[in-house]
Amino acid sequence: MDAADAALANDKGELKKLREGKMVYPKESELLRGAVNAEFQKRGMECDAKIFSEVLYMEDTGWQECAEAALGFRRFDIIVSPSHYQAAKQVFTGLGEKVGDVSLVDTPSLMRDSQRWSPPETNMLAYKIGSENYVAKQYVNYLLNGIVCCEAASELEDFSRSVTHDLLRHQGYRLQRMRKSTR
């Protein structure tokens, strides 16, 4: 089997999962989540490692494509309860390069620092994403802090960080088109 055949077989496998209503995540995310939960089980701990996007939902679905683009690959990070972080960190470091670009969220530090943050305002992208997982919601607030949702491109420069439905982003004194999510 050559590389093209392998890619086609992988695409067919992903399509089958999607048709069955299963989400498709990067293999590195699934590897890390599985390895962390296996370690938790071995230690008699609750298997609470999740892929970040597994515990998110949209409060306003009209902004979903924009939220996915703004979060980028971070939506595939692994999140665990703060009390389980050190055990997860051991697994993460032990896997070395196998984790690729996937990150393990430092949930103890996130929770410590989030005490100083204000909740997002109703016009902000972070407000449009919900989670039953309090730690995950704080990570959303951290990643999307201060990004204002604008209905028109003409409003973007009124804010230091802003986005539109059609994936325009104004940030760092520059205007860019965000990429649509491929996963």
N, C-alpha and C. Protein backbone atom coordinates (compact mmCIF):
# COMPACT_ATOMS: atom_id res chain seq x y z
N MET A 1 0.85 -1.18 0.00
CA MET A 1 0.00 0.00 0.00
C MET A 1 0.90 1.24 0.00
N ASP A 2 0.65 2.14 -0.94
CA ASP A 2 1.45 3.36 -0.98
C ASP A 2 0.80 4.44 -0.13
N ALA A 3 1.42 5.60 -0.07
CA ALA A 3 0.95 6.69 0.80
C ALA A 3 -0.45 7.16 0.41
N ALA A 4 -0.73 7.21 -0.88
CA ALA A 4 -2.05 7.66 -1.34
C ALA A 4 -3.14 6.69 -0.90
N ASP A 5 -2.86 5.37 -1.02
CA ASP A 5 -3.83 4.36 -0.58
C ASP A 5 -4.05 4.43 0.93
N ALA A 6 -2.99 4.65 1.67
CA ALA A 6 -3.11 4.77 3.13
C ALA A 6 -3.94 5.98 3.51
N ALA A 7 -3.72 7.10 2.84
CA ALA A 7 -4.49 8.32 3.12
C ALA A 7 -5.96 8.11 2.79
N LEU A 8 -6.25 7.44 1.68
CA LEU A 8 -7.63 7.17 1.28
C LEU A 8 -8.30 6.24 2.30
N ALA A 9 -7.60 5.22 2.74
CA ALA A 9 -8.15 4.31 3.74
C ALA A 9 -8.44 5.04 5.04
N ASN A 10 -7.55 5.94 5.44
CA ASN A 10 -7.75 6.74 6.65
C ASN A 10 -8.98 7.64 6.50
N ASP A 11 -9.11 8.30 5.34
CA ASP A 11 -10.27 9.17 5.10
C ASP A 11 -11.57 8.38 5.14
N LYS A 12 -11.57 7.17 4.55
CA LYS A 12 -12.77 6.33 4.58
C LYS A 12 -13.12 5.93 6.01
N GLY A 13 -12.09 5.64 6.83
CA GLY A 13 -12.32 5.29 8.23
C GLY A 13 -12.91 6.45 9.01
N GLU A 14 -12.39 7.66 8.76
CA GLU A 14 -12.92 8.84 9.43
C GLU A 14 -14.35 9.12 8.99
N LEU A 15 -14.63 8.98 7.71
CA LEU A 15 -15.99 9.19 7.21
C LEU A 15 -16.96 8.20 7.84
N LYS A 16 -16.55 6.94 7.98
CA LYS A 16 -17.40 5.92 8.61
C LYS A 16 -17.72 6.32 10.06
N LYS A 17 -16.71 6.78 10.79
CA LYS A 17 -16.93 7.22 12.17
C LYS A 17 -17.94 8.37 12.22
N LEU A 18 -17.77 9.34 11.32
CA LEU A 18 -18.68 10.49 11.30
C LEU A 18 -20.11 10.05 10.98
N ARG A 19 -20.26 9.12 10.06
CA ARG A 19 -21.61 8.62 9.72
C ARG A 19 -22.25 7.90 10.90
N GLU A 20 -21.43 7.31 11.75
CA GLU A 20 -21.92 6.61 12.94
C GLU A 20 -22.15 7.58 14.10
N GLY A 21 -21.92 8.88 13.85
CA GLY A 21 -22.13 9.88 14.88
C GLY A 21 -20.97 10.02 15.85
N LYS A 22 -19.82 9.47 15.49
CA LYS A 22 -18.64 9.55 16.36
C LYS A 22 -17.76 10.70 15.89
N MET A 23 -17.21 11.43 16.83
CA MET A 23 -16.29 12.52 16.49
C MET A 23 -14.94 11.94 16.08
N VAL A 24 -14.27 12.66 15.21
CA VAL A 24 -12.94 12.25 14.76
C VAL A 24 -11.93 13.26 15.31
N TYR A 25 -10.95 12.75 16.02
CA TYR A 25 -9.93 13.58 16.63
C TYR A 25 -8.56 13.18 16.10
N PRO A 26 -7.58 14.06 16.22
CA PRO A 26 -6.22 13.68 15.82
C PRO A 26 -5.76 12.45 16.62
N LYS A 27 -5.02 11.57 15.96
CA LYS A 27 -4.58 10.34 16.61
C LYS A 27 -3.74 10.63 17.85
N GLU A 28 -2.98 11.72 17.85
CA GLU A 28 -2.16 12.08 19.00
C GLU A 28 -3.03 12.42 20.22
N SER A 29 -4.16 13.09 19.97
CA SER A 29 -5.08 13.41 21.07
C SER A 29 -5.68 12.14 21.65
N GLU A 30 -6.10 11.24 20.77
CA GLU A 30 -6.69 9.99 21.23
C GLU A 30 -5.66 9.13 21.96
N LEU A 31 -4.43 9.12 21.46
CA LEU A 31 -3.35 8.38 22.11
C LEU A 31 -3.10 8.90 23.53
N LEU A 32 -2.96 10.22 23.65
CA LEU A 32 -2.68 10.81 24.96
C LEU A 32 -3.84 10.61 25.92
N ARG A 33 -5.07 10.87 25.47
CA ARG A 33 -6.24 10.67 26.34
C ARG A 33 -6.29 9.22 26.81
N GLY A 34 -6.10 8.27 25.90
CA GLY A 34 -6.15 6.86 26.27
C GLY A 34 -5.05 6.47 27.25
N ALA A 35 -3.84 6.95 26.99
CA ALA A 35 -2.71 6.61 27.88
C ALA A 35 -2.90 7.22 29.27
N VAL A 36 -3.38 8.45 29.32
CA VAL A 36 -3.61 9.11 30.62
C VAL A 36 -4.71 8.38 31.38
N ASN A 37 -5.80 8.06 30.72
CA ASN A 37 -6.89 7.36 31.41
C ASN A 37 -6.48 5.95 31.84
N ALA A 38 -5.63 5.29 31.06
CA ALA A 38 -5.13 3.97 31.46
C ALA A 38 -4.29 4.09 32.74
N GLU A 39 -3.48 5.13 32.82
CA GLU A 39 -2.67 5.36 34.02
C GLU A 39 -3.58 5.69 35.21
N PHE A 40 -4.60 6.51 34.98
CA PHE A 40 -5.54 6.83 36.06
C PHE A 40 -6.22 5.56 36.57
N GLN A 41 -6.64 4.70 35.65
CA GLN A 41 -7.31 3.46 36.05
C GLN A 41 -6.36 2.59 36.86
N LYS A 42 -5.12 2.49 36.42
CA LYS A 42 -4.12 1.69 37.13
C LYS A 42 -3.93 2.20 38.56
N ARG A 43 -4.05 3.51 38.75
CA ARG A 43 -3.87 4.11 40.07
C ARG A 43 -5.16 4.18 40.89
N GLY A 44 -6.26 3.70 40.31
CA GLY A 44 -7.54 3.74 41.01
C GLY A 44 -8.17 5.13 41.02
N MET A 45 -7.79 5.95 40.06
CA MET A 45 -8.32 7.32 39.95
C MET A 45 -9.44 7.36 38.91
N GLU A 46 -10.31 8.35 39.03
CA GLU A 46 -11.35 8.55 38.03
C GLU A 46 -10.69 8.84 36.68
N CYS A 47 -11.15 8.19 35.65
CA CYS A 47 -10.60 8.38 34.30
C CYS A 47 -11.25 9.61 33.67
N ASP A 48 -10.74 10.78 34.02
CA ASP A 48 -11.38 12.03 33.59
C ASP A 48 -10.64 12.78 32.50
N ALA A 49 -9.63 12.19 31.88
CA ALA A 49 -8.92 12.87 30.79
C ALA A 49 -9.86 12.97 29.59
N LYS A 50 -9.99 14.17 29.08
CA LYS A 50 -10.88 14.43 27.93
C LYS A 50 -10.14 15.27 26.91
N ILE A 51 -10.54 15.09 25.66
CA ILE A 51 -10.12 16.02 24.62
C ILE A 51 -10.97 17.27 24.83
N PHE A 52 -10.32 18.42 24.87
CA PHE A 52 -10.96 19.68 25.22
C PHE A 52 -12.30 19.87 24.52
N SER A 53 -12.35 19.65 23.21
CA SER A 53 -13.60 19.90 22.48
C SER A 53 -14.71 18.92 22.85
N GLU A 54 -14.37 17.79 23.48
CA GLU A 54 -15.39 16.83 23.91
C GLU A 54 -16.30 17.41 24.98
N VAL A 55 -15.80 18.36 25.74
CA VAL A 55 -16.56 18.89 26.87
C VAL A 55 -17.10 20.30 26.60
N LEU A 56 -17.08 20.71 25.33
CA LEU A 56 -17.58 22.03 24.96
C LEU A 56 -18.87 21.90 24.16
N TYR A 57 -19.69 22.93 24.22
CA TYR A 57 -20.87 23.05 23.36
C TYR A 57 -21.05 24.52 23.04
N MET A 58 -21.79 24.79 22.00
CA MET A 58 -22.01 26.17 21.59
C MET A 58 -23.30 26.69 22.21
N GLU A 59 -23.17 27.82 22.88
CA GLU A 59 -24.35 28.53 23.39
C GLU A 59 -25.06 29.24 22.23
N ASP A 60 -24.28 29.64 21.22
CA ASP A 60 -24.78 30.31 20.04
C ASP A 60 -24.14 29.63 18.83
N THR A 61 -24.86 28.71 18.21
CA THR A 61 -24.30 27.89 17.14
C THR A 61 -23.91 28.71 15.91
N GLY A 62 -24.43 29.91 15.77
CA GLY A 62 -24.06 30.76 14.66
C GLY A 62 -22.59 31.16 14.67
N TRP A 63 -21.95 31.01 15.82
CA TRP A 63 -20.54 31.36 15.95
C TRP A 63 -19.62 30.13 16.01
N GLN A 64 -20.15 28.94 15.75
CA GLN A 64 -19.36 27.72 15.90
C GLN A 64 -18.13 27.68 14.99
N GLU A 65 -18.31 27.97 13.70
CA GLU A 65 -17.18 27.91 12.78
C GLU A 65 -16.08 28.89 13.20
N CYS A 66 -16.49 30.06 13.65
CA CYS A 66 -15.54 31.07 14.10
C CYS A 66 -14.83 30.60 15.38
N ALA A 67 -15.58 30.01 16.30
CA ALA A 67 -14.98 29.52 17.55
C ALA A 67 -13.96 28.42 17.26
N GLU A 68 -14.30 27.49 16.37
CA GLU A 68 -13.37 26.42 16.02
C GLU A 68 -12.10 26.98 15.39
N ALA A 69 -12.26 27.96 14.51
CA ALA A 69 -11.10 28.57 13.86
C ALA A 69 -10.25 29.34 14.88
N ALA A 70 -10.89 30.04 15.80
CA ALA A 70 -10.15 30.82 16.80
C ALA A 70 -9.41 29.90 17.78
N LEU A 71 -10.03 28.80 18.16
CA LEU A 71 -9.37 27.85 19.06
C LEU A 71 -8.26 27.08 18.34
N GLY A 72 -8.44 26.87 17.06
CA GLY A 72 -7.43 26.15 16.28
C GLY A 72 -7.16 24.77 16.87
N PHE A 73 -5.91 24.35 16.83
CA PHE A 73 -5.53 23.01 17.29
C PHE A 73 -5.67 22.87 18.81
N ARG A 74 -5.76 23.97 19.53
CA ARG A 74 -5.92 23.91 21.00
C ARG A 74 -7.18 23.14 21.38
N ARG A 75 -8.17 23.07 20.47
CA ARG A 75 -9.40 22.35 20.82
C ARG A 75 -9.17 20.86 20.97
N PHE A 76 -7.98 20.38 20.59
CA PHE A 76 -7.64 18.97 20.74
C PHE A 76 -6.71 18.71 21.92
N ASP A 77 -6.45 19.74 22.73
CA ASP A 77 -5.64 19.57 23.94
C ASP A 77 -6.34 18.62 24.90
N ILE A 78 -5.57 18.09 25.84
CA ILE A 78 -6.12 17.18 26.85
C ILE A 78 -6.30 17.95 28.16
N ILE A 79 -7.48 17.76 28.74
CA ILE A 79 -7.80 18.45 30.00
C ILE A 79 -8.15 17.40 31.05
N VAL A 80 -7.61 17.59 32.24
CA VAL A 80 -7.86 16.69 33.38
C VAL A 80 -8.19 17.55 34.60
N SER A 81 -8.75 16.92 35.61
CA SER A 81 -9.01 17.68 36.84
C SER A 81 -7.66 18.10 37.44
N PRO A 82 -7.65 19.24 38.13
CA PRO A 82 -6.38 19.71 38.72
C PRO A 82 -5.71 18.68 39.63
N SER A 83 -6.48 17.91 40.36
CA SER A 83 -5.89 16.92 41.27
C SER A 83 -5.22 15.76 40.53
N HIS A 84 -5.51 15.59 39.26
CA HIS A 84 -4.94 14.51 38.46
C HIS A 84 -3.81 14.97 37.55
N TYR A 85 -3.52 16.26 37.56
CA TYR A 85 -2.56 16.82 36.61
C TYR A 85 -1.17 16.18 36.70
N GLN A 86 -0.64 16.00 37.91
CA GLN A 86 0.73 15.47 38.04
C GLN A 86 0.85 14.06 37.45
N ALA A 87 -0.16 13.23 37.66
CA ALA A 87 -0.15 11.88 37.08
C ALA A 87 -0.22 11.97 35.56
N ALA A 88 -1.06 12.86 35.05
CA ALA A 88 -1.18 13.04 33.59
C ALA A 88 0.12 13.59 33.01
N LYS A 89 0.78 14.47 33.75
CA LYS A 89 2.05 15.05 33.28
C LYS A 89 3.11 13.96 33.12
N GLN A 90 3.14 13.00 34.04
CA GLN A 90 4.11 11.90 33.93
C GLN A 90 3.88 11.10 32.65
N VAL A 91 2.62 10.84 32.32
CA VAL A 91 2.30 10.12 31.09
C VAL A 91 2.69 10.96 29.88
N PHE A 92 2.33 12.24 29.91
CA PHE A 92 2.62 13.15 28.80
C PHE A 92 4.12 13.19 28.51
N THR A 93 4.92 13.41 29.54
CA THR A 93 6.37 13.49 29.33
C THR A 93 6.94 12.15 28.89
N GLY A 94 6.37 11.06 29.39
CA GLY A 94 6.84 9.73 29.02
C GLY A 94 6.57 9.38 27.56
N LEU A 95 5.54 9.98 26.97
CA LEU A 95 5.21 9.68 25.58
C LEU A 95 6.13 10.41 24.60
N GLY A 96 6.84 11.40 25.06
CA GLY A 96 7.79 12.11 24.21
C GLY A 96 7.15 12.69 22.96
N GLU A 97 7.79 12.48 21.82
CA GLU A 97 7.36 13.05 20.55
C GLU A 97 6.04 12.48 20.04
N LYS A 98 5.58 11.37 20.61
CA LYS A 98 4.35 10.74 20.14
C LYS A 98 3.13 11.64 20.31
N VAL A 99 3.22 12.65 21.21
CA VAL A 99 2.07 13.53 21.44
C VAL A 99 1.93 14.60 20.36
N GLY A 100 2.93 14.76 19.51
CA GLY A 100 2.85 15.74 18.43
C GLY A 100 2.60 17.14 18.97
N ASP A 101 1.62 17.82 18.38
CA ASP A 101 1.30 19.19 18.78
C ASP A 101 0.25 19.28 19.88
N VAL A 102 -0.19 18.15 20.40
CA VAL A 102 -1.21 18.14 21.44
C VAL A 102 -0.59 18.59 22.76
N SER A 103 -1.32 19.39 23.51
CA SER A 103 -0.86 19.89 24.80
C SER A 103 -1.67 19.27 25.93
N LEU A 104 -1.06 19.21 27.09
CA LEU A 104 -1.76 18.86 28.32
C LEU A 104 -1.97 20.18 29.06
N VAL A 105 -3.21 20.51 29.33
CA VAL A 105 -3.53 21.77 29.99
C VAL A 105 -3.08 21.72 31.44
N ASP A 106 -2.31 22.72 31.87
CA ASP A 106 -1.84 22.84 33.26
C ASP A 106 -3.02 23.36 34.08
N THR A 107 -3.91 22.45 34.45
CA THR A 107 -5.15 22.83 35.12
C THR A 107 -4.96 23.40 36.52
N PRO A 108 -3.98 22.97 37.32
CA PRO A 108 -3.80 23.62 38.62
C PRO A 108 -3.45 25.11 38.47
N SER A 109 -2.54 25.42 37.57
CA SER A 109 -2.17 26.83 37.35
C SER A 109 -3.31 27.62 36.73
N LEU A 110 -4.03 26.98 35.81
CA LEU A 110 -5.19 27.62 35.19
C LEU A 110 -6.21 28.02 36.25
N MET A 111 -6.50 27.09 37.15
CA MET A 111 -7.50 27.39 38.20
C MET A 111 -7.00 28.45 39.16
N ARG A 112 -5.72 28.42 39.49
CA ARG A 112 -5.14 29.45 40.37
C ARG A 112 -5.29 30.83 39.73
N ASP A 113 -4.89 30.95 38.48
CA ASP A 113 -4.88 32.24 37.81
C ASP A 113 -6.27 32.73 37.43
N SER A 114 -7.20 31.80 37.16
CA SER A 114 -8.54 32.20 36.72
C SER A 114 -9.32 32.94 37.81
N GLN A 115 -8.87 32.84 39.05
CA GLN A 115 -9.53 33.55 40.14
C GLN A 115 -9.48 35.06 39.95
N ARG A 116 -8.51 35.54 39.16
CA ARG A 116 -8.33 36.98 38.94
C ARG A 116 -9.06 37.49 37.70
N TRP A 117 -9.64 36.60 36.92
CA TRP A 117 -10.25 37.00 35.65
C TRP A 117 -11.71 37.38 35.83
N SER A 118 -12.15 38.28 35.00
CA SER A 118 -13.57 38.62 34.93
C SER A 118 -14.24 37.66 33.96
N PRO A 119 -15.50 37.34 34.20
CA PRO A 119 -16.19 36.47 33.23
C PRO A 119 -16.35 37.23 31.90
N PRO A 120 -16.46 36.50 30.79
CA PRO A 120 -16.59 37.17 29.50
C PRO A 120 -17.92 37.93 29.41
N GLU A 121 -17.89 39.03 28.70
CA GLU A 121 -19.11 39.80 28.45
C GLU A 121 -19.91 39.12 27.35
N THR A 122 -21.18 39.45 27.24
CA THR A 122 -22.08 38.76 26.31
C THR A 122 -21.70 38.95 24.84
N ASN A 123 -20.93 39.97 24.52
CA ASN A 123 -20.53 40.20 23.13
C ASN A 123 -19.20 39.53 22.78
N MET A 124 -18.68 38.70 23.68
CA MET A 124 -17.38 38.07 23.46
C MET A 124 -17.52 36.61 23.02
N LEU A 125 -16.55 36.17 22.22
CA LEU A 125 -16.58 34.82 21.68
C LEU A 125 -16.59 33.77 22.80
N ALA A 126 -15.84 33.99 23.86
CA ALA A 126 -15.80 33.02 24.97
C ALA A 126 -17.19 32.82 25.58
N TYR A 127 -18.02 33.84 25.57
CA TYR A 127 -19.36 33.75 26.13
C TYR A 127 -20.24 32.81 25.32
N LYS A 128 -19.93 32.65 24.06
CA LYS A 128 -20.76 31.87 23.15
C LYS A 128 -20.44 30.37 23.21
N ILE A 129 -19.45 30.00 24.02
CA ILE A 129 -19.06 28.59 24.19
C ILE A 129 -19.34 28.19 25.63
N GLY A 130 -20.02 27.08 25.79
CA GLY A 130 -20.35 26.60 27.12
C GLY A 130 -19.67 25.28 27.43
N SER A 131 -19.68 24.92 28.70
CA SER A 131 -19.18 23.62 29.15
C SER A 131 -19.73 23.34 30.54
N GLU A 132 -20.06 22.07 30.78
CA GLU A 132 -20.43 21.64 32.11
C GLU A 132 -19.19 21.48 32.98
N ASN A 133 -18.03 21.43 32.34
CA ASN A 133 -16.75 21.27 33.01
C ASN A 133 -16.19 22.65 33.33
N TYR A 134 -16.16 23.01 34.60
CA TYR A 134 -15.74 24.35 35.01
C TYR A 134 -14.30 24.65 34.57
N VAL A 135 -13.42 23.68 34.67
CA VAL A 135 -12.02 23.89 34.27
C VAL A 135 -11.94 24.17 32.77
N ALA A 136 -12.70 23.42 31.97
CA ALA A 136 -12.72 23.64 30.52
C ALA A 136 -13.23 25.03 30.19
N LYS A 137 -14.25 25.48 30.91
CA LYS A 137 -14.78 26.83 30.65
C LYS A 137 -13.73 27.89 30.97
N GLN A 138 -12.95 27.67 32.01
CA GLN A 138 -11.88 28.63 32.32
C GLN A 138 -10.81 28.63 31.23
N TYR A 139 -10.55 27.47 30.63
CA TYR A 139 -9.57 27.40 29.53
C TYR A 139 -10.11 28.16 28.31
N VAL A 140 -11.40 28.02 28.04
CA VAL A 140 -12.03 28.81 26.96
C VAL A 140 -11.83 30.29 27.24
N ASN A 141 -12.12 30.70 28.47
CA ASN A 141 -11.99 32.11 28.84
C ASN A 141 -10.56 32.60 28.66
N TYR A 142 -9.60 31.76 29.03
CA TYR A 142 -8.19 32.12 28.86
C TYR A 142 -7.83 32.27 27.38
N LEU A 143 -8.18 31.27 26.58
CA LEU A 143 -7.79 31.27 25.17
C LEU A 143 -8.45 32.38 24.36
N LEU A 144 -9.71 32.66 24.67
CA LEU A 144 -10.49 33.60 23.86
C LEU A 144 -10.75 34.92 24.58
N ASN A 145 -10.01 35.17 25.64
CA ASN A 145 -10.19 36.36 26.47
C ASN A 145 -10.21 37.64 25.64
N GLY A 146 -11.28 38.40 25.77
CA GLY A 146 -11.35 39.72 25.16
C GLY A 146 -11.65 39.76 23.68
N ILE A 147 -11.93 38.62 23.04
CA ILE A 147 -12.25 38.63 21.61
C ILE A 147 -13.72 38.99 21.45
N VAL A 148 -13.97 40.14 20.82
CA VAL A 148 -15.32 40.66 20.65
C VAL A 148 -15.90 40.15 19.33
N CYS A 149 -17.15 39.72 19.35
CA CYS A 149 -17.85 39.26 18.15
C CYS A 149 -18.49 40.45 17.46
N CYS A 150 -18.16 40.65 16.20
CA CYS A 150 -18.69 41.76 15.41
C CYS A 150 -19.57 41.21 14.30
N GLU A 151 -20.64 41.92 14.04
CA GLU A 151 -21.54 41.50 12.96
C GLU A 151 -21.02 41.92 11.59
N ALA A 152 -20.20 42.97 11.54
CA ALA A 152 -19.72 43.48 10.26
C ALA A 152 -18.22 43.77 10.33
N ALA A 153 -17.55 43.61 9.20
CA ALA A 153 -16.11 43.88 9.13
C ALA A 153 -15.80 45.33 9.47
N SER A 154 -16.74 46.22 9.23
CA SER A 154 -16.51 47.64 9.52
C SER A 154 -16.34 47.92 11.01
N GLU A 155 -16.74 47.00 11.87
CA GLU A 155 -16.64 47.17 13.32
C GLU A 155 -15.34 46.64 13.90
N LEU A 156 -14.61 45.83 13.16
CA LEU A 156 -13.45 45.11 13.70
C LEU A 156 -12.42 46.01 14.36
N GLU A 157 -12.07 47.11 13.72
CA GLU A 157 -11.01 47.98 14.23
C GLU A 157 -11.43 48.77 15.47
N ASP A 158 -12.70 48.68 15.85
CA ASP A 158 -13.17 49.35 17.08
C ASP A 158 -12.68 48.61 18.33
N PHE A 159 -12.11 47.41 18.15
CA PHE A 159 -11.68 46.58 19.27
C PHE A 159 -10.27 46.05 19.00
N SER A 160 -9.50 45.87 20.06
CA SER A 160 -8.13 45.37 19.87
C SER A 160 -8.12 43.90 19.44
N ARG A 161 -9.12 43.13 19.86
CA ARG A 161 -9.26 41.73 19.46
C ARG A 161 -10.72 41.50 19.09
N SER A 162 -10.96 41.13 17.83
CA SER A 162 -12.34 40.97 17.37
C SER A 162 -12.41 39.98 16.21
N VAL A 163 -13.62 39.45 15.99
CA VAL A 163 -13.86 38.48 14.92
C VAL A 163 -15.24 38.72 14.31
N THR A 164 -15.42 38.18 13.10
CA THR A 164 -16.73 38.19 12.46
C THR A 164 -17.14 36.75 12.14
N HIS A 165 -18.43 36.58 11.82
CA HIS A 165 -18.94 35.25 11.44
C HIS A 165 -18.17 34.65 10.28
N ASP A 166 -17.74 35.51 9.35
CA ASP A 166 -17.07 34.99 8.14
C ASP A 166 -15.56 34.86 8.31
N LEU A 167 -15.13 34.70 9.57
CA LEU A 167 -13.76 34.33 9.93
C LEU A 167 -12.71 35.43 9.72
N LEU A 168 -13.12 36.68 9.74
CA LEU A 168 -12.15 37.76 9.78
C LEU A 168 -11.76 37.97 11.24
N ARG A 169 -10.47 38.21 11.47
CA ARG A 169 -9.98 38.46 12.82
C ARG A 169 -9.11 39.71 12.79
N HIS A 170 -9.36 40.59 13.76
CA HIS A 170 -8.52 41.76 13.95
C HIS A 170 -7.83 41.57 15.29
N GLN A 171 -6.50 41.54 15.27
CA GLN A 171 -5.74 41.29 16.49
C GLN A 171 -4.30 41.70 16.23
N GLY A 172 -3.65 42.28 17.23
CA GLY A 172 -2.25 42.65 17.08
C GLY A 172 -2.04 43.65 15.96
N TYR A 173 -2.97 44.57 15.80
CA TYR A 173 -2.90 45.61 14.77
C TYR A 173 -2.84 45.03 13.36
N ARG A 174 -3.49 43.90 13.18
CA ARG A 174 -3.53 43.32 11.84
C ARG A 174 -4.87 42.64 11.61
N LEU A 175 -5.25 42.58 10.36
CA LEU A 175 -6.48 41.92 9.95
C LEU A 175 -6.08 40.64 9.24
N GLN A 176 -6.72 39.54 9.58
CA GLN A 176 -6.41 38.27 8.93
C GLN A 176 -7.68 37.48 8.72
N ARG A 177 -7.60 36.55 7.80
CA ARG A 177 -8.69 35.60 7.57
C ARG A 177 -8.29 34.31 8.27
N MET A 178 -9.11 33.88 9.24
CA MET A 178 -8.84 32.62 9.92
C MET A 178 -9.16 31.46 8.98
N ARG A 179 -8.48 30.36 9.19
CA ARG A 179 -8.74 29.17 8.38
C ARG A 179 -9.90 28.39 8.93
N LYS A 180 -10.70 27.87 8.02
CA LYS A 180 -11.79 26.99 8.43
C LYS A 180 -11.20 25.72 9.02
N SER A 181 -11.88 25.17 9.98
CA SER A 181 -11.46 23.93 10.60
C SER A 181 -11.51 22.80 9.58
N THR A 182 -10.47 21.98 9.55
CA THR A 182 -10.47 20.82 8.65
C THR A 182 -10.87 19.55 9.39
N ARG A 183 -11.06 19.62 10.69
CA ARG A 183 -11.49 18.47 11.48
C ARG A 183 -12.75 18.83 12.18
